[in-house]
Amino acid sequence: MTSGFIVGKGPRQVRYMRGVRRLITTVLALLGCLALLARPAHADVASSPARTTAARSAIGLDLSVSPSINVQLYKGKRGTMLVVHGGVAVFNPAGAWLGVGLKANGIDMEPTDGLGDSRIVQTGCQGFSNLSGTRWLDLDLAEQAHPGMFVNVPIDVTLTGQSLYATTQTYKMSVTATLTKK
């Protein structure tokens, strides 16, 4: 053995092959376990209430009656901003109007239109439609305008979905609320 190569089935090669077999067996066992795990169900999922970020999604409600889903943050704090993203995905017949509204403790979030309404509306929806938007609320200013409603009290965020002028066949709604420092 002057060349430095192992010829035949010496002890090093046998240990190497045992290690490869163990690795292959372990990988196959893990893949088998993953195959047995249940796939995630597409149903109501929530991570609420929470301290800084809460989320919820839901499927199967009738949008013609304006259903809503809620998340809750434990308490609002001074020097923070509430940022909320909400959305609705539906399959509509032609000509439907789709609407999404976001409120915190019953107050419309920014930006609002000239009438103070923060709803997002999409007209002429046909087939699969998705409507989403992000709204925000400065808790210091909101507390100043509505004393006792936003600082050191729980914050309930509500997403309302609505389908106008047509019945909705299928849909999914989701909302995520986050408190961030300014």
C-alpha atoms as a PDB file:
ATOM      1  CA  MET A   1       0.000   0.000   0.000  1.00  0.00           C
ATOM      2  CA  THR A   2       2.524   2.549  -1.040  1.00  0.00           C
ATOM      3  CA  SER A   3       0.110   4.468  -3.296  1.00  0.00           C
ATOM      4  CA  GLY A   4      -2.134   5.680  -0.456  1.00  0.00           C
ATOM      5  CA  PHE A   5      -5.344   4.267  -1.973  1.00  0.00           C
ATOM      6  CA  ILE A   6      -7.405   1.678  -0.165  1.00  0.00           C
ATOM      7  CA  VAL A   7      -7.927  -1.340  -2.402  1.00  0.00           C
ATOM      8  CA  GLY A   8     -10.728  -3.779  -1.717  1.00  0.00           C
ATOM      9  CA  LYS A   9     -12.997  -3.701   1.310  1.00  0.00           C
ATOM     10  CA  GLY A  10     -10.718  -2.436   4.018  1.00  0.00           C
ATOM     11  CA  PRO A  11     -12.034  -1.218   7.411  1.00  0.00           C
ATOM     12  CA  ARG A  12     -12.268   2.430   6.313  1.00  0.00           C
ATOM     13  CA  GLN A  13     -14.398   1.660   3.274  1.00  0.00           C
ATOM     14  CA  VAL A  14     -16.728  -0.591   5.312  1.00  0.00           C
ATOM     15  CA  ARG A  15     -17.269   2.183   7.909  1.00  0.00           C
ATOM     16  CA  TYR A  16     -17.903   4.679   5.096  1.00  0.00           C
ATOM     17  CA  MET A  17     -20.541   2.417   3.475  1.00  0.00           C
ATOM     18  CA  ARG A  18     -22.274   1.857   6.850  1.00  0.00           C
ATOM     19  CA  GLY A  19     -22.462   5.632   7.319  1.00  0.00           C
ATOM     20  CA  VAL A  20     -23.919   6.137   3.832  1.00  0.00           C
ATOM     21  CA  ARG A  21     -26.525   3.424   4.469  1.00  0.00           C
ATOM     22  CA  ARG A  22     -27.488   5.020   7.806  1.00  0.00           C
ATOM     23  CA  LEU A  23     -27.829   8.412   6.163  1.00  0.00           C
ATOM     24  CA  ILE A  24     -30.003   7.030   3.359  1.00  0.00           C
ATOM     25  CA  THR A  25     -32.160   5.102   5.858  1.00  0.00           C
ATOM     26  CA  THR A  26     -32.596   8.206   8.034  1.00  0.00           C
ATOM     27  CA  VAL A  27     -33.547  10.399   5.083  1.00  0.00           C
ATOM     28  CA  LEU A  28     -36.081   7.833   3.834  1.00  0.00           C
ATOM     29  CA  ALA A  29     -37.568   7.488   7.326  1.00  0.00           C
ATOM     30  CA  LEU A  30     -37.946  11.277   7.622  1.00  0.00           C
ATOM     31  CA  LEU A  31     -39.588  11.487   4.197  1.00  0.00           C
ATOM     32  CA  GLY A  32     -41.972   8.711   5.225  1.00  0.00           C
ATOM     33  CA  CYS A  33     -42.884  10.597   8.399  1.00  0.00           C
ATOM     34  CA  LEU A  34     -43.493  13.798   6.426  1.00  0.00           C
ATOM     35  CA  ALA A  35     -45.766  11.914   4.041  1.00  0.00           C
ATOM     36  CA  LEU A  36     -47.882  10.733   6.978  1.00  0.00           C
ATOM     37  CA  LEU A  37     -48.394  14.234   8.348  1.00  0.00           C
ATOM     38  CA  ALA A  38     -51.761  15.793   7.580  1.00  0.00           C
ATOM     39  CA  ARG A  39     -51.825  18.594   5.070  1.00  0.00           C
ATOM     40  CA  PRO A  40     -52.937  21.915   6.544  1.00  0.00           C
ATOM     41  CA  ALA A  41     -56.668  22.456   6.444  1.00  0.00           C
ATOM     42  CA  HIS A  42     -57.936  25.633   4.818  1.00  0.00           C
ATOM     43  CA  ALA A  43     -60.322  26.715   7.524  1.00  0.00           C
ATOM     44  CA  ASP A  44     -60.583  29.354  10.220  1.00  0.00           C
ATOM     45  CA  VAL A  45     -57.092  30.033  11.531  1.00  0.00           C
ATOM     46  CA  ALA A  46     -56.293  32.626  14.182  1.00  0.00           C
ATOM     47  CA  SER A  47     -53.381  33.885  16.263  1.00  0.00           C
ATOM     48  CA  SER A  48     -55.400  36.260  18.364  1.00  0.00           C
ATOM     49  CA  PRO A  49     -55.262  37.787  20.963  1.00  0.00           C
ATOM     50  CA  ALA A  50     -51.609  38.795  20.856  1.00  0.00           C
ATOM     51  CA  ARG A  51     -49.278  41.482  22.153  1.00  0.00           C
ATOM     52  CA  THR A  52     -47.968  43.056  18.926  1.00  0.00           C
ATOM     53  CA  THR A  53     -49.167  41.041  15.895  1.00  0.00           C
ATOM     54  CA  ALA A  54     -52.400  39.108  15.419  1.00  0.00           C
ATOM     55  CA  ALA A  55     -53.813  37.429  12.329  1.00  0.00           C
ATOM     56  CA  ARG A  56     -56.906  35.519  11.288  1.00  0.00           C
ATOM     57  CA  SER A  57     -58.293  33.997   8.130  1.00  0.00           C
ATOM     58  CA  ALA A  58     -61.676  32.465   7.438  1.00  0.00           C
ATOM     59  CA  ILE A  59     -63.511  30.812   4.570  1.00  0.00           C
ATOM     60  CA  GLY A  60     -67.083  29.886   3.778  1.00  0.00           C
ATOM     61  CA  LEU A  61     -69.127  32.881   4.997  1.00  0.00           C
ATOM     62  CA  ASP A  62     -71.745  34.487   2.785  1.00  0.00           C
ATOM     63  CA  LEU A  63     -70.489  37.934   1.738  1.00  0.00           C
ATOM     64  CA  SER A  64     -73.974  39.111   0.787  1.00  0.00           C
ATOM     65  CA  VAL A  65     -74.697  39.624   4.511  1.00  0.00           C
ATOM     66  CA  SER A  66     -71.428  41.518   5.271  1.00  0.00           C
ATOM     67  CA  PRO A  67     -69.664  39.051   7.590  1.00  0.00           C
ATOM     68  CA  SER A  68     -66.736  40.181   9.702  1.00  0.00           C
ATOM     69  CA  ILE A  69     -63.684  38.597  11.285  1.00  0.00           C
ATOM     70  CA  ASN A  70     -61.859  40.065  14.276  1.00  0.00           C
ATOM     71  CA  VAL A  71     -58.403  40.018  15.812  1.00  0.00           C
ATOM     72  CA  GLN A  72     -57.412  41.504  19.143  1.00  0.00           C
ATOM     73  CA  LEU A  73     -54.213  43.059  20.440  1.00  0.00           C
ATOM     74  CA  TYR A  74     -53.848  43.040  24.240  1.00  0.00           C
ATOM     75  CA  LYS A  75     -53.452  46.807  24.637  1.00  0.00           C
ATOM     76  CA  GLY A  76     -52.531  49.897  22.701  1.00  0.00           C
ATOM     77  CA  LYS A  77     -49.479  51.896  23.727  1.00  0.00           C
ATOM     78  CA  ARG A  78     -48.389  55.510  23.325  1.00  0.00           C
ATOM     79  CA  GLY A  79     -45.833  56.130  20.594  1.00  0.00           C
ATOM     80  CA  THR A  80     -47.124  53.284  18.409  1.00  0.00           C
ATOM     81  CA  MET A  81     -48.954  52.947  15.152  1.00  0.00           C
ATOM     82  CA  LEU A  82     -51.476  50.259  14.290  1.00  0.00           C
ATOM     83  CA  VAL A  83     -50.977  48.888  10.763  1.00  0.00           C
ATOM     84  CA  VAL A  84     -53.638  46.503   9.432  1.00  0.00           C
ATOM     85  CA  HIS A  85     -53.760  44.573   6.168  1.00  0.00           C
ATOM     86  CA  GLY A  86     -56.998  42.903   5.165  1.00  0.00           C
ATOM     87  CA  GLY A  87     -58.228  41.160   2.074  1.00  0.00           C
ATOM     88  CA  VAL A  88     -61.022  39.179   0.489  1.00  0.00           C
ATOM     89  CA  ALA A  89     -60.759  36.681  -2.354  1.00  0.00           C
ATOM     90  CA  VAL A  90     -64.004  35.571  -4.026  1.00  0.00           C
ATOM     91  CA  PHE A  91     -65.474  33.976  -7.097  1.00  0.00           C
ATOM     92  CA  ASN A  92     -68.243  36.314  -8.286  1.00  0.00           C
ATOM     93  CA  PRO A  93     -70.633  36.305 -11.190  1.00  0.00           C
ATOM     94  CA  ALA A  94     -70.320  39.211 -13.623  1.00  0.00           C
ATOM     95  CA  GLY A  95     -71.141  42.711 -12.400  1.00  0.00           C
ATOM     96  CA  ALA A  96     -70.609  42.222  -8.665  1.00  0.00           C
ATOM     97  CA  TRP A  97     -69.173  44.908  -6.426  1.00  0.00           C
ATOM     98  CA  LEU A  98     -66.700  43.810  -3.784  1.00  0.00           C
ATOM     99  CA  GLY A  99     -66.033  45.796  -0.603  1.00  0.00           C
ATOM    100  CA  VAL A 100     -63.592  45.556   2.310  1.00  0.00           C
ATOM    101  CA  GLY A 101     -63.752  47.650   5.476  1.00  0.00           C
ATOM    102  CA  LEU A 102     -61.256  47.864   8.364  1.00  0.00           C
ATOM    103  CA  LYS A 103     -62.013  49.325  11.797  1.00  0.00           C
ATOM    104  CA  ALA A 104     -60.155  49.486  15.107  1.00  0.00           C
ATOM    105  CA  ASN A 105     -62.366  49.626  18.215  1.00  0.00           C
ATOM    106  CA  GLY A 106     -65.220  50.677  15.923  1.00  0.00           C
ATOM    107  CA  ILE A 107     -63.330  53.623  14.389  1.00  0.00           C
ATOM    108  CA  ASP A 108     -62.494  53.747  10.671  1.00  0.00           C
ATOM    109  CA  MET A 109     -58.763  53.597  10.000  1.00  0.00           C
ATOM    110  CA  GLU A 110     -56.768  55.887   7.703  1.00  0.00           C
ATOM    111  CA  PRO A 111     -56.882  56.720   4.870  1.00  0.00           C
ATOM    112  CA  THR A 112     -60.553  57.611   4.599  1.00  0.00           C
ATOM    113  CA  ASP A 113     -62.575  59.257   1.872  1.00  0.00           C
ATOM    114  CA  GLY A 114     -64.250  62.671   2.155  1.00  0.00           C
ATOM    115  CA  LEU A 115     -67.085  61.150   4.180  1.00  0.00           C
ATOM    116  CA  GLY A 116     -64.763  59.471   6.689  1.00  0.00           C
ATOM    117  CA  ASP A 117     -65.294  55.981   5.270  1.00  0.00           C
ATOM    118  CA  SER A 118     -62.241  53.725   4.965  1.00  0.00           C
ATOM    119  CA  ARG A 119     -63.898  51.025   2.860  1.00  0.00           C
ATOM    120  CA  ILE A 120     -62.206  49.820  -0.302  1.00  0.00           C
ATOM    121  CA  VAL A 121     -64.627  49.051  -3.145  1.00  0.00           C
ATOM    122  CA  GLN A 122     -64.010  47.365  -6.477  1.00  0.00           C
ATOM    123  CA  THR A 123     -66.724  47.460  -9.109  1.00  0.00           C
ATOM    124  CA  GLY A 124     -67.412  45.177 -12.046  1.00  0.00           C
ATOM    125  CA  CYS A 125     -65.908  42.044 -10.507  1.00  0.00           C
ATOM    126  CA  GLN A 126     -66.194  38.976 -12.692  1.00  0.00           C
ATOM    127  CA  GLY A 127     -64.907  35.488 -11.965  1.00  0.00           C
ATOM    128  CA  PHE A 128     -62.065  35.290  -9.451  1.00  0.00           C
ATOM    129  CA  SER A 129     -61.522  38.632  -7.730  1.00  0.00           C
ATOM    130  CA  ASN A 130     -59.137  39.652  -4.989  1.00  0.00           C
ATOM    131  CA  LEU A 131     -59.403  42.905  -3.068  1.00  0.00           C
ATOM    132  CA  SER A 132     -57.027  43.905  -0.307  1.00  0.00           C
ATOM    133  CA  GLY A 133     -55.732  47.001   1.365  1.00  0.00           C
ATOM    134  CA  THR A 134     -53.591  48.357   4.162  1.00  0.00           C
ATOM    135  CA  ARG A 135     -54.905  50.848   6.696  1.00  0.00           C
ATOM    136  CA  TRP A 136     -53.155  52.554   9.597  1.00  0.00           C
ATOM    137  CA  LEU A 137     -53.971  54.446  12.770  1.00  0.00           C
ATOM    138  CA  ASP A 138     -51.636  56.588  14.881  1.00  0.00           C
ATOM    139  CA  LEU A 139     -52.657  55.591  18.418  1.00  0.00           C
ATOM    140  CA  ASP A 140     -51.576  58.909  19.965  1.00  0.00           C
ATOM    141  CA  LEU A 141     -53.818  60.886  17.594  1.00  0.00           C
ATOM    142  CA  ALA A 142     -56.634  58.336  17.858  1.00  0.00           C
ATOM    143  CA  GLU A 143     -56.494  58.546  21.671  1.00  0.00           C
ATOM    144  CA  GLN A 144     -56.571  62.337  21.482  1.00  0.00           C
ATOM    145  CA  ALA A 145     -59.654  62.251  19.231  1.00  0.00           C
ATOM    146  CA  HIS A 146     -61.354  59.416  21.170  1.00  0.00           C
ATOM    147  CA  PRO A 147     -60.157  59.520  24.817  1.00  0.00           C
ATOM    148  CA  GLY A 148     -59.932  56.149  26.567  1.00  0.00           C
ATOM    149  CA  MET A 149     -60.434  54.059  23.421  1.00  0.00           C
ATOM    150  CA  PHE A 150     -56.906  53.184  22.247  1.00  0.00           C
ATOM    151  CA  VAL A 151     -54.160  53.523  24.893  1.00  0.00           C
ATOM    152  CA  ASN A 152     -53.915  50.907  27.689  1.00  0.00           C
ATOM    153  CA  VAL A 153     -57.056  49.133  26.459  1.00  0.00           C
ATOM    154  CA  PRO A 154     -57.470  46.107  24.153  1.00  0.00           C
ATOM    155  CA  ILE A 155     -57.640  46.919  20.455  1.00  0.00           C
ATOM    156  CA  ASP A 156     -60.240  44.991  18.461  1.00  0.00           C
ATOM    157  CA  VAL A 157     -59.626  45.084  14.712  1.00  0.00           C
ATOM    158  CA  THR A 158     -62.541  44.147  12.467  1.00  0.00           C
ATOM    159  CA  LEU A 159     -62.421  43.251   8.783  1.00  0.00           C
ATOM    160  CA  THR A 160     -65.794  43.371   7.048  1.00  0.00           C
ATOM    161  CA  GLY A 161     -66.257  41.886   3.601  1.00  0.00           C
ATOM    162  CA  GLN A 162     -69.202  42.565   1.344  1.00  0.00           C
ATOM    163  CA  SER A 163     -70.389  41.511  -2.082  1.00  0.00           C
ATOM    164  CA  LEU A 164     -73.014  43.795  -3.615  1.00  0.00           C
ATOM    165  CA  TYR A 165     -75.394  43.140  -6.494  1.00  0.00           C
ATOM    166  CA  ALA A 166     -74.580  39.417  -6.650  1.00  0.00           C
ATOM    167  CA  THR A 167     -74.437  36.418  -4.391  1.00  0.00           C
ATOM    168  CA  THR A 168     -70.964  35.101  -3.744  1.00  0.00           C
ATOM    169  CA  GLN A 169     -70.148  31.478  -4.394  1.00  0.00           C
ATOM    170  CA  THR A 170     -66.824  31.053  -2.578  1.00  0.00           C
ATOM    171  CA  TYR A 171     -64.509  33.350  -0.675  1.00  0.00           C
ATOM    172  CA  LYS A 172     -61.611  33.696   1.742  1.00  0.00           C
ATOM    173  CA  MET A 173     -61.015  36.614   4.134  1.00  0.00           C
ATOM    174  CA  SER A 174     -57.852  37.398   6.082  1.00  0.00           C
ATOM    175  CA  VAL A 175     -56.661  40.184   8.358  1.00  0.00           C
ATOM    176  CA  THR A 176     -53.320  40.942  10.028  1.00  0.00           C
ATOM    177  CA  ALA A 177     -52.862  43.666  12.651  1.00  0.00           C
ATOM    178  CA  THR A 178     -49.468  44.882  13.897  1.00  0.00           C
ATOM    179  CA  LEU A 179     -48.464  47.482  16.486  1.00  0.00           C
ATOM    180  CA  THR A 180     -45.214  49.211  15.518  1.00  0.00           C
ATOM    181  CA  LYS A 181     -43.204  51.973  17.142  1.00  0.00           C
ATOM    182  CA  LYS A 182     -43.240  55.326  15.391  1.00  0.00           C
END
